[in-house]
Amino acid sequence: MPTVLNESQRSDFLKNGYVIIKNFFDDEETELLQRASNQDPAIRKFFYDREDSEGLITKMAAWNHPDDSIYGITARSFKLVDTMEDLLGGEVYHYHSKITAKEPLEGGAWEWHQDYGYWYNNGCLFPYMATAMIALDKCTKENGCLQILSGSNHIGRIDHALLESGQVGVDLKRVEEAKKNLELIYCEINPGDVLFFHCNTLHRSDSNRSNDRRWTLLCCYNAARNNPFLDHHHPKYTPLNKVPDEEIKKAGNRFLDPKKADTFLKRTSVPPTLKAKAGKLFTN
């Protein structure tokens, strides 16, 4: 199945480091994803906390290999993977996925960073990597939507270090300089929308000061030709078994069937010994 992007959208991604595709998932697919996130006990079982400078918490659950649940099928669906392959110029594999949960009034903020600031140190030599952020809830300025510096993907990888907040991010002086030349975008998206962004795109988010939760599913991909040369808890190249898009609804309905119900997350990708350090390993 071909990419869902038109030439203008593809150009926007290459120029600006991101593109938002509205209604990437239809209403039924979106509702099934939402219901699974609300009802699957495995999600909360594997949550770990990431604090910001004010002690507010973003809850996260991460996993490496997509299974046959609705979340695994979504990450392997033709329309998502083919679009990512279009953006990254060739075959990709699933690097990891995660759910980030900013609960009402207590969801934490994220400092400015690039995903490649971390993934480079995992042995990924080239920035042939990107993320698809799928909105499970309405993401707004008030509940801490993602902020992006448009075009910052062309700056290249910036060194990351431990910040006063306790998070790992980029030098804020460099960010302030970038702001003089680049537009700050608040990526407000609705359930079912997908924000695709490049691994070198600078991004952050505010805390959730609203009465509405902000949950997202992020599927991260690496180019097959960018196989990491270091061993890491995220996988090296693993061929991705793509599936037809209609399998998303089938997987979601299986989850809702008491006779076929299964939790989507069999195991976390963060080893128990690393959970205390998880904030340095995963972001968004």
C-alpha atoms as a PDB file:
ATOM      1  CA  MET A   1       0.000   0.000   0.000  1.00  0.00           C
ATOM      2  CA  PRO A   2       1.455   3.421  -0.902  1.00  0.00           C
ATOM      3  CA  THR A   3       2.179   6.205   1.545  1.00  0.00           C
ATOM      4  CA  VAL A   4      -0.743   8.388   2.592  1.00  0.00           C
ATOM      5  CA  LEU A   5       1.333  11.541   2.118  1.00  0.00           C
ATOM      6  CA  ASN A   6       1.008  13.863  -0.822  1.00  0.00           C
ATOM      7  CA  GLU A   7       4.000  15.711  -2.247  1.00  0.00           C
ATOM      8  CA  SER A   8       3.293  18.847  -0.220  1.00  0.00           C
ATOM      9  CA  GLN A   9       3.157  16.926   3.058  1.00  0.00           C
ATOM     10  CA  ARG A  10       6.357  15.062   2.246  1.00  0.00           C
ATOM     11  CA  SER A  11       8.035  18.371   1.436  1.00  0.00           C
ATOM     12  CA  ASP A  12       6.800  19.865   4.720  1.00  0.00           C
ATOM     13  CA  PHE A  13       8.396  17.030   6.689  1.00  0.00           C
ATOM     14  CA  LEU A  14      11.741  17.411   4.943  1.00  0.00           C
ATOM     15  CA  LYS A  15      11.718  21.204   5.300  1.00  0.00           C
ATOM     16  CA  ASN A  16      10.228  21.628   8.775  1.00  0.00           C
ATOM     17  CA  GLY A  17      11.096  18.350  10.475  1.00  0.00           C
ATOM     18  CA  TYR A  18       7.474  17.424  11.119  1.00  0.00           C
ATOM     19  CA  VAL A  19       4.082  17.020   9.497  1.00  0.00           C
ATOM     20  CA  ILE A  20       0.628  16.541  11.015  1.00  0.00           C
ATOM     21  CA  ILE A  21      -1.798  14.231   9.224  1.00  0.00           C
ATOM     22  CA  LYS A  22      -5.358  14.809  10.383  1.00  0.00           C
ATOM     23  CA  ASN A  23      -7.680  11.796  10.753  1.00  0.00           C
ATOM     24  CA  PHE A  24      -4.889   9.355   9.919  1.00  0.00           C
ATOM     25  CA  PHE A  25      -6.917   6.759  11.812  1.00  0.00           C
ATOM     26  CA  ASP A  26     -10.662   6.661  11.228  1.00  0.00           C
ATOM     27  CA  ASP A  27     -13.231   7.015  14.005  1.00  0.00           C
ATOM     28  CA  GLU A  28     -13.574   3.287  14.657  1.00  0.00           C
ATOM     29  CA  GLU A  29      -9.820   2.675  14.742  1.00  0.00           C
ATOM     30  CA  THR A  30      -9.373   5.624  17.084  1.00  0.00           C
ATOM     31  CA  GLU A  31     -12.136   4.502  19.439  1.00  0.00           C
ATOM     32  CA  LEU A  32     -10.654   1.004  19.637  1.00  0.00           C
ATOM     33  CA  LEU A  33      -7.227   2.419  20.447  1.00  0.00           C
ATOM     34  CA  GLN A  34      -8.752   4.606  23.149  1.00  0.00           C
ATOM     35  CA  ARG A  35     -10.750   1.765  24.681  1.00  0.00           C
ATOM     36  CA  ALA A  36      -7.692  -0.458  24.814  1.00  0.00           C
ATOM     37  CA  SER A  37      -5.680   2.276  26.541  1.00  0.00           C
ATOM     38  CA  ASN A  38      -8.449   2.741  29.103  1.00  0.00           C
ATOM     39  CA  GLN A  39      -9.170  -0.918  29.776  1.00  0.00           C
ATOM     40  CA  ASP A  40      -5.901  -2.808  29.381  1.00  0.00           C
ATOM     41  CA  PRO A  41      -4.469  -3.437  32.879  1.00  0.00           C
ATOM     42  CA  ALA A  42      -1.021  -4.137  31.475  1.00  0.00           C
ATOM     43  CA  ILE A  43      -0.520  -0.466  30.619  1.00  0.00           C
ATOM     44  CA  ARG A  44      -0.742   0.785  34.189  1.00  0.00           C
ATOM     45  CA  LYS A  45       1.134  -2.270  35.433  1.00  0.00           C
ATOM     46  CA  PHE A  46       4.183  -1.286  33.407  1.00  0.00           C
ATOM     47  CA  PHE A  47       3.994   2.472  33.904  1.00  0.00           C
ATOM     48  CA  TYR A  48       7.078   4.170  35.281  1.00  0.00           C
ATOM     49  CA  ASP A  49       7.278   7.806  36.367  1.00  0.00           C
ATOM     50  CA  ARG A  50       9.299  10.636  34.899  1.00  0.00           C
ATOM     51  CA  GLU A  51       9.447  13.757  37.060  1.00  0.00           C
ATOM     52  CA  ASP A  52       9.976  17.311  35.907  1.00  0.00           C
ATOM     53  CA  SER A  53      11.626  20.170  37.803  1.00  0.00           C
ATOM     54  CA  GLU A  54       8.427  20.828  39.785  1.00  0.00           C
ATOM     55  CA  GLY A  55       7.947  17.212  40.790  1.00  0.00           C
ATOM     56  CA  LEU A  56       5.066  16.697  38.367  1.00  0.00           C
ATOM     57  CA  ILE A  57       4.973  13.274  36.736  1.00  0.00           C
ATOM     58  CA  THR A  58       4.528  11.904  33.244  1.00  0.00           C
ATOM     59  CA  LYS A  59       3.726   8.193  33.297  1.00  0.00           C
ATOM     60  CA  MET A  60       5.229   6.026  30.588  1.00  0.00           C
ATOM     61  CA  ALA A  61       5.175   2.450  29.336  1.00  0.00           C
ATOM     62  CA  ALA A  62       7.558   1.287  26.601  1.00  0.00           C
ATOM     63  CA  TRP A  63       8.138  -1.872  24.593  1.00  0.00           C
ATOM     64  CA  ASN A  64      10.409  -2.975  21.773  1.00  0.00           C
ATOM     65  CA  HIS A  65       8.732  -5.585  19.594  1.00  0.00           C
ATOM     66  CA  PRO A  66       5.162  -5.106  18.319  1.00  0.00           C
ATOM     67  CA  ASP A  67       2.855  -8.057  18.952  1.00  0.00           C
ATOM     68  CA  ASP A  68      -0.601  -8.963  17.624  1.00  0.00           C
ATOM     69  CA  SER A  69      -2.501  -6.601  19.921  1.00  0.00           C
ATOM     70  CA  ILE A  70      -4.099  -3.444  18.558  1.00  0.00           C
ATOM     71  CA  TYR A  71      -1.012  -1.419  19.474  1.00  0.00           C
ATOM     72  CA  GLY A  72       1.369  -3.886  17.855  1.00  0.00           C
ATOM     73  CA  ILE A  73      -0.809  -4.157  14.763  1.00  0.00           C
ATOM     74  CA  THR A  74      -1.060  -0.364  14.535  1.00  0.00           C
ATOM     75  CA  ALA A  75       2.731  -0.077  14.594  1.00  0.00           C
ATOM     76  CA  ARG A  76       2.963  -2.712  11.847  1.00  0.00           C
ATOM     77  CA  SER A  77       0.093  -1.458   9.697  1.00  0.00           C
ATOM     78  CA  PHE A  78       0.793  -0.747   6.052  1.00  0.00           C
ATOM     79  CA  LYS A  79      -0.341   2.858   6.220  1.00  0.00           C
ATOM     80  CA  LEU A  80       1.862   3.743   9.185  1.00  0.00           C
ATOM     81  CA  VAL A  81       4.972   1.819   8.165  1.00  0.00           C
ATOM     82  CA  ASP A  82       4.764   2.688   4.454  1.00  0.00           C
ATOM     83  CA  THR A  83       4.430   6.360   5.337  1.00  0.00           C
ATOM     84  CA  MET A  84       7.466   6.165   7.617  1.00  0.00           C
ATOM     85  CA  GLU A  85       9.434   4.372   4.890  1.00  0.00           C
ATOM     86  CA  ASP A  86       8.492   7.143   2.497  1.00  0.00           C
ATOM     87  CA  LEU A  87       9.758   9.778   4.948  1.00  0.00           C
ATOM     88  CA  LEU A  88      13.010   7.949   5.764  1.00  0.00           C
ATOM     89  CA  GLY A  89      13.750   6.800   2.238  1.00  0.00           C
ATOM     90  CA  GLY A  90      13.645   3.027   2.535  1.00  0.00           C
ATOM     91  CA  GLU A  91      12.924   0.015   4.703  1.00  0.00           C
ATOM     92  CA  VAL A  92      12.398   0.703   8.410  1.00  0.00           C
ATOM     93  CA  TYR A  93      12.064  -1.426  11.494  1.00  0.00           C
ATOM     94  CA  HIS A  94      10.303  -0.873  14.808  1.00  0.00           C
ATOM     95  CA  TYR A  95      12.766   0.727  17.244  1.00  0.00           C
ATOM     96  CA  HIS A  96      10.303   0.953  20.121  1.00  0.00           C
ATOM     97  CA  SER A  97       6.862   2.225  21.053  1.00  0.00           C
ATOM     98  CA  LYS A  98       5.611   3.925  24.172  1.00  0.00           C
ATOM     99  CA  ILE A  99       2.562   5.424  25.759  1.00  0.00           C
ATOM    100  CA  THR A 100       3.007   8.748  27.504  1.00  0.00           C
ATOM    101  CA  ALA A 101       0.310   9.693  29.990  1.00  0.00           C
ATOM    102  CA  LYS A 102      -0.096  13.213  31.353  1.00  0.00           C
ATOM    103  CA  GLU A 103      -2.879  13.007  33.889  1.00  0.00           C
ATOM    104  CA  PRO A 104      -5.094  16.038  34.668  1.00  0.00           C
ATOM    105  CA  LEU A 105      -3.428  18.740  36.790  1.00  0.00           C
ATOM    106  CA  GLU A 106      -0.348  16.623  37.513  1.00  0.00           C
ATOM    107  CA  GLY A 107       1.187  15.584  34.187  1.00  0.00           C
ATOM    108  CA  GLY A 108       4.801  16.738  33.965  1.00  0.00           C
ATOM    109  CA  ALA A 109       6.715  18.847  31.466  1.00  0.00           C
ATOM    110  CA  TRP A 110       9.582  17.843  29.152  1.00  0.00           C
ATOM    111  CA  GLU A 111      12.678  19.920  28.494  1.00  0.00           C
ATOM    112  CA  TRP A 112      13.895  20.794  25.000  1.00  0.00           C
ATOM    113  CA  HIS A 113      15.597  17.802  23.395  1.00  0.00           C
ATOM    114  CA  GLN A 114      16.111  15.806  20.216  1.00  0.00           C
ATOM    115  CA  ASP A 115      15.368  12.095  20.162  1.00  0.00           C
ATOM    116  CA  TYR A 116      18.606  11.569  18.263  1.00  0.00           C
ATOM    117  CA  GLY A 117      20.430  13.133  21.189  1.00  0.00           C
ATOM    118  CA  TYR A 118      19.742   9.806  22.924  1.00  0.00           C
ATOM    119  CA  TRP A 119      19.548   7.380  20.029  1.00  0.00           C
ATOM    120  CA  TYR A 120      22.960   8.408  18.666  1.00  0.00           C
ATOM    121  CA  ASN A 121      24.477   7.153  21.921  1.00  0.00           C
ATOM    122  CA  ASN A 122      22.597   3.875  21.433  1.00  0.00           C
ATOM    123  CA  GLY A 123      24.785   3.156  18.406  1.00  0.00           C
ATOM    124  CA  CYS A 124      22.591   4.583  15.641  1.00  0.00           C
ATOM    125  CA  LEU A 125      25.198   6.234  13.452  1.00  0.00           C
ATOM    126  CA  PHE A 126      22.903   8.204  11.148  1.00  0.00           C
ATOM    127  CA  PRO A 127      19.765  10.258  11.907  1.00  0.00           C
ATOM    128  CA  TYR A 128      17.583   8.033   9.733  1.00  0.00           C
ATOM    129  CA  MET A 129      14.964   7.804  12.462  1.00  0.00           C
ATOM    130  CA  ALA A 130      11.561   9.318  13.179  1.00  0.00           C
ATOM    131  CA  THR A 131       8.520   9.062  15.419  1.00  0.00           C
ATOM    132  CA  ALA A 132       4.798   8.864  14.768  1.00  0.00           C
ATOM    133  CA  MET A 133       2.895  10.416  17.680  1.00  0.00           C
ATOM    134  CA  ILE A 134      -0.711   9.185  17.690  1.00  0.00           C
ATOM    135  CA  ALA A 135      -3.169  11.252  19.706  1.00  0.00           C
ATOM    136  CA  LEU A 136      -5.324   9.128  22.003  1.00  0.00           C
ATOM    137  CA  ASP A 137      -6.754  12.277  23.603  1.00  0.00           C
ATOM    138  CA  LYS A 138      -7.159  15.821  22.405  1.00  0.00           C
ATOM    139  CA  CYS A 139      -3.742  17.472  22.757  1.00  0.00           C
ATOM    140  CA  THR A 140      -3.877  21.209  23.444  1.00  0.00           C
ATOM    141  CA  LYS A 141      -1.714  23.995  24.824  1.00  0.00           C
ATOM    142  CA  GLU A 142      -3.588  23.639  28.103  1.00  0.00           C
ATOM    143  CA  ASN A 143      -2.849  19.946  28.641  1.00  0.00           C
ATOM    144  CA  GLY A 144       0.741  19.945  27.413  1.00  0.00           C
ATOM    145  CA  CYS A 145       0.792  19.269  23.683  1.00  0.00           C
ATOM    146  CA  LEU A 146       4.108  18.811  21.924  1.00  0.00           C
ATOM    147  CA  GLN A 147       5.982  21.975  20.951  1.00  0.00           C
ATOM    148  CA  ILE A 148       8.370  21.957  18.008  1.00  0.00           C
ATOM    149  CA  LEU A 149      10.889  24.390  16.576  1.00  0.00           C
ATOM    150  CA  SER A 150      10.029  24.208  12.904  1.00  0.00           C
ATOM    151  CA  GLY A 151      13.092  23.526  10.772  1.00  0.00           C
ATOM    152  CA  SER A 152      15.318  22.597  13.711  1.00  0.00           C
ATOM    153  CA  ASN A 153      15.974  19.223  12.090  1.00  0.00           C
ATOM    154  CA  HIS A 154      18.502  21.046   9.890  1.00  0.00           C
ATOM    155  CA  ILE A 155      20.595  22.151  12.867  1.00  0.00           C
ATOM    156  CA  GLY A 156      21.948  18.637  13.227  1.00  0.00           C
ATOM    157  CA  ARG A 157      22.516  16.692  16.412  1.00  0.00           C
ATOM    158  CA  ILE A 158      23.108  18.841  19.497  1.00  0.00           C
ATOM    159  CA  ASP A 159      24.993  17.479  22.503  1.00  0.00           C
ATOM    160  CA  HIS A 160      22.697  16.580  25.403  1.00  0.00           C
ATOM    161  CA  ALA A 161      23.535  16.794  29.080  1.00  0.00           C
ATOM    162  CA  LEU A 162      21.927  16.485  32.491  1.00  0.00           C
ATOM    163  CA  LEU A 163      19.928  19.649  33.209  1.00  0.00           C
ATOM    164  CA  GLU A 164      19.066  21.271  36.523  1.00  0.00           C
ATOM    165  CA  SER A 165      15.564  19.824  36.208  1.00  0.00           C
ATOM    166  CA  GLY A 166      17.016  16.302  36.377  1.00  0.00           C
ATOM    167  CA  GLN A 167      16.084  15.581  32.767  1.00  0.00           C
ATOM    168  CA  VAL A 168      18.563  15.164  29.926  1.00  0.00           C
ATOM    169  CA  GLY A 169      18.226  17.847  27.272  1.00  0.00           C
ATOM    170  CA  VAL A 170      19.997  20.414  25.128  1.00  0.00           C
ATOM    171  CA  ASP A 171      21.699  23.619  26.217  1.00  0.00           C
ATOM    172  CA  LEU A 172      18.860  26.137  26.595  1.00  0.00           C
ATOM    173  CA  LYS A 173      21.127  28.968  25.392  1.00  0.00           C
ATOM    174  CA  ARG A 174      21.362  27.183  22.074  1.00  0.00           C
ATOM    175  CA  VAL A 175      17.576  26.789  22.001  1.00  0.00           C
ATOM    176  CA  GLU A 176      17.082  30.511  22.625  1.00  0.00           C
ATOM    177  CA  GLU A 177      19.398  31.267  19.728  1.00  0.00           C
ATOM    178  CA  ALA A 178      17.474  28.861  17.508  1.00  0.00           C
ATOM    179  CA  LYS A 179      14.210  30.584  18.452  1.00  0.00           C
ATOM    180  CA  LYS A 180      15.496  33.787  16.834  1.00  0.00           C
ATOM    181  CA  ASN A 181      15.429  32.038  13.480  1.00  0.00           C
ATOM    182  CA  LEU A 182      12.797  29.323  13.802  1.00  0.00           C
ATOM    183  CA  GLU A 183       9.062  29.341  14.470  1.00  0.00           C
ATOM    184  CA  LEU A 184       7.710  27.742  17.640  1.00  0.00           C
ATOM    185  CA  ILE A 185       4.774  25.467  16.812  1.00  0.00           C
ATOM    186  CA  TYR A 186       2.233  24.128  19.296  1.00  0.00           C
ATOM    187  CA  CYS A 187       1.183  20.810  17.768  1.00  0.00           C
ATOM    188  CA  GLU A 188      -2.463  20.695  18.816  1.00  0.00           C
ATOM    189  CA  ILE A 189      -3.957  17.470  17.521  1.00  0.00           C
ATOM    190  CA  ASN A 190      -7.161  15.480  17.952  1.00  0.00           C
ATOM    191  CA  PRO A 191      -7.642  11.765  18.630  1.00  0.00           C
ATOM    192  CA  GLY A 192      -6.749   9.822  15.488  1.00  0.00           C
ATOM    193  CA  ASP A 193      -4.378  12.508  14.172  1.00  0.00           C
ATOM    194  CA  VAL A 194      -0.705  11.614  13.760  1.00  0.00           C
ATOM    195  CA  LEU A 195       2.283  13.906  14.181  1.00  0.00           C
ATOM    196  CA  PHE A 196       5.331  12.611  12.308  1.00  0.00           C
ATOM    197  CA  PHE A 197       8.610  14.209  13.402  1.00  0.00           C
ATOM    198  CA  HIS A 198      12.279  13.707  12.589  1.00  0.00           C
ATOM    199  CA  CYS A 199      14.725  12.528  15.246  1.00  0.00           C
ATOM    200  CA  ASN A 200      16.724  15.782  15.067  1.00  0.00           C
ATOM    201  CA  THR A 201      13.673  18.022  15.488  1.00  0.00           C
ATOM    202  CA  LEU A 202      13.839  19.993  18.737  1.00  0.00           C
ATOM    203  CA  HIS A 203      10.727  19.485  20.842  1.00  0.00           C
ATOM    204  CA  ARG A 204       9.382  19.845  24.366  1.00  0.00           C
ATOM    205  CA  SER A 205       6.051  20.010  26.197  1.00  0.00           C
ATOM    206  CA  ASP A 206       4.525  21.880  29.131  1.00  0.00           C
ATOM    207  CA  SER A 207       2.937  20.283  32.153  1.00  0.00           C
ATOM    208  CA  ASN A 208      -0.771  19.473  32.117  1.00  0.00           C
ATOM    209  CA  ARG A 209      -2.539  22.211  34.078  1.00  0.00           C
ATOM    210  CA  SER A 210      -5.967  21.315  32.717  1.00  0.00           C
ATOM    211  CA  ASN A 211      -8.736  18.983  33.836  1.00  0.00           C
ATOM    212  CA  ASP A 212      -8.238  16.828  30.734  1.00  0.00           C
ATOM    213  CA  ARG A 213      -5.745  13.993  30.445  1.00  0.00           C
ATOM    214  CA  ARG A 214      -3.245  13.877  27.571  1.00  0.00           C
ATOM    215  CA  TRP A 215      -2.325  10.353  26.468  1.00  0.00           C
ATOM    216  CA  THR A 216      -0.386   9.602  23.299  1.00  0.00           C
ATOM    217  CA  LEU A 217       1.014   6.525  21.591  1.00  0.00           C
ATOM    218  CA  LEU A 218       4.437   7.023  20.024  1.00  0.00           C
ATOM    219  CA  CYS A 219       5.805   4.542  17.486  1.00  0.00           C
ATOM    220  CA  CYS A 220       9.506   5.066  16.782  1.00  0.00           C
ATOM    221  CA  TYR A 221      11.282   3.675  13.720  1.00  0.00           C
ATOM    222  CA  ASN A 222      14.847   3.295  12.518  1.00  0.00           C
ATOM    223  CA  ALA A 223      15.995   2.774   8.951  1.00  0.00           C
ATOM    224  CA  ALA A 224      17.087  -0.794   8.238  1.00  0.00           C
ATOM    225  CA  ARG A 225      20.292   0.597   6.711  1.00  0.00           C
ATOM    226  CA  ASN A 226      21.067   2.306  10.040  1.00  0.00           C
ATOM    227  CA  ASN A 227      21.516  -0.865  12.078  1.00  0.00           C
ATOM    228  CA  PRO A 228      23.002   0.105  15.489  1.00  0.00           C
ATOM    229  CA  PHE A 229      26.614  -0.958  15.998  1.00  0.00           C
ATOM    230  CA  LEU A 230      26.242  -1.062  19.793  1.00  0.00           C
ATOM    231  CA  ASP A 231      24.231  -3.475  21.888  1.00  0.00           C
ATOM    232  CA  HIS A 232      21.397  -1.733  23.680  1.00  0.00           C
ATOM    233  CA  HIS A 233      18.076  -2.580  25.294  1.00  0.00           C
ATOM    234  CA  HIS A 234      16.423  -1.215  22.139  1.00  0.00           C
ATOM    235  CA  PRO A 235      16.733  -3.667  19.246  1.00  0.00           C
ATOM    236  CA  LYS A 236      19.087  -3.863  16.341  1.00  0.00           C
ATOM    237  CA  TYR A 237      17.578  -4.367  12.900  1.00  0.00           C
ATOM    238  CA  THR A 238      14.639  -6.743  13.151  1.00  0.00           C
ATOM    239  CA  PRO A 239      12.566  -7.289   9.975  1.00  0.00           C
ATOM    240  CA  LEU A 240       9.106  -5.809  10.419  1.00  0.00           C
ATOM    241  CA  ASN A 241       6.129  -7.956   9.454  1.00  0.00           C
ATOM    242  CA  LYS A 242       3.722  -5.411   7.995  1.00  0.00           C
ATOM    243  CA  VAL A 243      -0.007  -6.160   8.078  1.00  0.00           C
ATOM    244  CA  PRO A 244      -3.039  -4.822   6.174  1.00  0.00           C
ATOM    245  CA  ASP A 245      -4.742  -1.821   7.737  1.00  0.00           C
ATOM    246  CA  GLU A 246      -7.985  -3.705   8.321  1.00  0.00           C
ATOM    247  CA  GLU A 247      -6.169  -5.815  10.929  1.00  0.00           C
ATOM    248  CA  ILE A 248      -6.223  -2.803  13.292  1.00  0.00           C
ATOM    249  CA  LYS A 249      -9.986  -3.103  13.812  1.00  0.00           C
ATOM    250  CA  LYS A 250      -9.811  -6.881  14.049  1.00  0.00           C
ATOM    251  CA  ALA A 251      -7.197  -6.632  16.806  1.00  0.00           C
ATOM    252  CA  GLY A 252      -9.217  -3.998  18.640  1.00  0.00           C
ATOM    253  CA  ASN A 253     -12.372  -6.087  18.546  1.00  0.00           C
ATOM    254  CA  ARG A 254     -10.478  -9.159  19.759  1.00  0.00           C
ATOM    255  CA  PHE A 255      -9.417  -7.183  22.792  1.00  0.00           C
ATOM    256  CA  LEU A 256     -13.048  -6.327  23.558  1.00  0.00           C
ATOM    257  CA  ASP A 257     -14.170  -9.956  23.202  1.00  0.00           C
ATOM    258  CA  PRO A 258     -14.071 -11.623  26.662  1.00  0.00           C
ATOM    259  CA  LYS A 259     -13.335 -14.959  25.010  1.00  0.00           C
ATOM    260  CA  LYS A 260     -10.361 -13.592  23.102  1.00  0.00           C
ATOM    261  CA  ALA A 261      -9.219 -10.743  25.306  1.00  0.00           C
ATOM    262  CA  ASP A 262      -5.503 -10.302  25.732  1.00  0.00           C
ATOM    263  CA  THR A 263      -3.362  -7.526  27.109  1.00  0.00           C
ATOM    264  CA  PHE A 264      -1.288  -5.653  24.587  1.00  0.00           C
ATOM    265  CA  LEU A 265       1.911  -5.422  26.586  1.00  0.00           C
ATOM    266  CA  LYS A 266       3.493  -8.728  27.492  1.00  0.00           C
ATOM    267  CA  ARG A 267       6.710  -7.177  28.752  1.00  0.00           C
ATOM    268  CA  THR A 268       8.238  -3.785  29.206  1.00  0.00           C
ATOM    269  CA  SER A 269      11.332  -2.883  27.196  1.00  0.00           C
ATOM    270  CA  VAL A 270      12.889  -1.274  30.255  1.00  0.00           C
ATOM    271  CA  PRO A 271      14.649  -3.953  32.331  1.00  0.00           C
ATOM    272  CA  PRO A 272      13.741  -3.747  36.036  1.00  0.00           C
ATOM    273  CA  THR A 273      17.290  -2.700  36.921  1.00  0.00           C
ATOM    274  CA  LEU A 274      16.954   0.297  34.613  1.00  0.00           C
ATOM    275  CA  LYS A 275      13.573   1.535  35.764  1.00  0.00           C
ATOM    276  CA  ALA A 276      15.126   3.998  38.175  1.00  0.00           C
ATOM    277  CA  LYS A 277      17.121   5.421  35.288  1.00  0.00           C
ATOM    278  CA  ALA A 278      14.235   5.407  32.832  1.00  0.00           C
ATOM    279  CA  GLY A 279      14.020   9.167  32.696  1.00  0.00           C
ATOM    280  CA  LYS A 280      17.437   9.256  31.057  1.00  0.00           C
ATOM    281  CA  LEU A 281      16.523   6.572  28.556  1.00  0.00           C
ATOM    282  CA  PHE A 282      13.120   7.631  27.279  1.00  0.00           C
ATOM    283  CA  THR A 283      11.663  11.012  26.475  1.00  0.00           C
ATOM    284  CA  ASN A 284       8.519  12.832  25.271  1.00  0.00           C
END
